[in-house]
């Protein structure tokens, strides 16, 4: 029994790999994460979207965004290493995370 804890990005990479393997011959444009800003701010910050965060907990927004970026990077890595030669697709995150300081 392995006690290795998988991180969300690793699970997302496995999911992305299954999608590439099963649908890569039919998909020209991949979107790894749809509107990550909405999830980070409205889900983990303001709380009007799931999972319903709390106002004033700014760190949760940044952590959510951080993990979404890592998951996107993991999916891109899997695609480049295992599928780019076989398929000529385009991959992107639908929305760029822009944080004002």
Protein backbone atom coordinates (compact mmCIF):
# COMPACT_ATOMS: atom_id res chain seq x y z
CA UNK A 1 0.00 0.00 0.00
CA UNK A 2 1.43 3.31 -1.03
CA UNK A 3 1.06 6.21 1.33
CA UNK A 4 2.20 8.69 -1.29
CA UNK A 5 -0.15 11.65 -1.35
CA UNK A 6 -0.97 12.77 -4.85
CA UNK A 7 -1.41 16.46 -5.38
CA UNK A 8 -4.32 17.89 -7.41
CA UNK A 9 -2.00 18.67 -10.33
CA UNK A 10 -1.04 14.99 -10.57
CA UNK A 11 -4.67 13.90 -10.71
CA UNK A 12 -5.37 16.61 -13.27
CA UNK A 13 -2.43 15.39 -15.37
CA UNK A 14 -3.86 11.84 -15.32
CA UNK A 15 -7.26 13.18 -16.36
CA UNK A 16 -5.70 15.28 -19.14
CA UNK A 17 -3.71 12.29 -20.38
CA UNK A 18 -6.88 10.19 -20.60
CA UNK A 19 -8.58 12.99 -22.55
CA UNK A 20 -5.64 13.37 -24.95
CA UNK A 21 -5.44 9.62 -25.51
CA UNK A 22 -9.16 9.19 -26.16
CA UNK A 23 -10.08 12.41 -27.96
CA UNK A 24 -6.80 13.80 -29.31
CA UNK A 25 -7.48 12.69 -32.86
CA UNK A 26 -10.69 14.77 -32.91
CA UNK A 27 -9.85 17.84 -30.84
CA UNK A 28 -7.95 20.75 -32.36
CA UNK A 29 -8.10 23.20 -29.46
CA UNK A 30 -7.76 22.19 -25.83
CA UNK A 31 -8.78 24.37 -22.89
CA UNK A 32 -7.32 23.02 -19.68
CA UNK A 33 -9.20 25.17 -17.17
CA UNK A 34 -12.23 27.30 -17.91
CA UNK A 35 -12.19 30.76 -16.30
CA UNK A 36 -9.75 30.13 -13.45
CA UNK A 37 -10.15 33.67 -12.19
CA UNK A 38 -13.83 33.01 -11.48
CA UNK A 39 -12.98 29.93 -9.42
CA UNK A 40 -10.18 31.62 -7.50
CA UNK A 41 -11.93 34.90 -6.69
CA UNK A 42 -15.64 34.11 -6.73
CA UNK A 43 -15.27 30.57 -5.40
CA UNK A 44 -12.53 30.83 -2.80
CA UNK A 45 -12.59 34.55 -2.08
CA UNK A 46 -15.97 36.18 -2.27
CA UNK A 47 -17.84 32.90 -2.07
CA UNK A 48 -20.64 33.50 -4.56
CA UNK A 49 -19.57 30.37 -6.49
CA UNK A 50 -18.71 26.91 -5.18
CA UNK A 51 -17.02 26.03 -2.88
CA UNK A 52 -18.18 29.19 -1.11
CA UNK A 53 -15.15 30.88 0.41
CA UNK A 54 -15.18 33.70 2.91
CA UNK A 55 -14.50 37.34 2.25
CA UNK A 56 -11.27 38.55 3.73
CA UNK A 57 -9.38 35.30 3.20
CA UNK A 58 -7.21 36.54 0.36
CA UNK A 59 -4.66 33.74 0.77
CA UNK A 60 -7.29 31.20 -0.33
CA UNK A 61 -7.68 33.03 -3.65
CA UNK A 62 -3.97 32.95 -4.32
CA UNK A 63 -3.68 29.28 -3.33
CA UNK A 64 -6.56 28.35 -5.63
CA UNK A 65 -4.97 30.27 -8.51
CA UNK A 66 -1.57 28.73 -7.73
CA UNK A 67 -2.91 25.18 -7.90
CA UNK A 68 -4.84 25.90 -11.09
CA UNK A 69 -1.67 27.17 -12.75
CA UNK A 70 0.22 24.06 -11.60
CA UNK A 71 -2.55 21.82 -12.96
CA UNK A 72 -2.50 23.64 -16.31
CA UNK A 73 1.28 23.29 -16.48
CA UNK A 74 1.04 19.57 -15.69
CA UNK A 75 -1.48 19.02 -18.49
CA UNK A 76 0.67 20.94 -20.97
CA UNK A 77 3.70 18.90 -19.92
CA UNK A 78 1.87 15.60 -20.50
CA UNK A 79 0.67 16.79 -23.90
CA UNK A 80 4.13 17.93 -24.99
CA UNK A 81 5.88 14.77 -23.79
CA UNK A 82 3.39 12.16 -25.01
CA UNK A 83 1.03 13.56 -27.64
CA UNK A 84 2.46 16.60 -29.45
CA UNK A 85 4.19 14.49 -32.11
CA UNK A 86 1.01 12.53 -32.83
CA UNK A 87 -1.48 15.40 -32.80
CA UNK A 88 -1.11 19.01 -33.86
CA UNK A 89 -3.43 20.72 -31.44
CA UNK A 90 -3.43 24.05 -29.67
CA UNK A 91 -3.69 24.28 -25.88
CA UNK A 92 -4.41 27.18 -23.57
CA UNK A 93 -6.10 28.29 -20.40
CA UNK A 94 -9.29 30.14 -21.35
CA UNK A 95 -8.63 33.16 -19.18
CA UNK A 96 -5.35 34.67 -18.07
CA UNK A 97 -5.04 35.26 -14.34
CA UNK A 98 -4.13 38.89 -13.82
CA UNK A 99 -3.61 40.03 -10.25
CA UNK A 100 -3.42 43.73 -9.50
CA UNK A 101 -1.11 44.94 -6.80
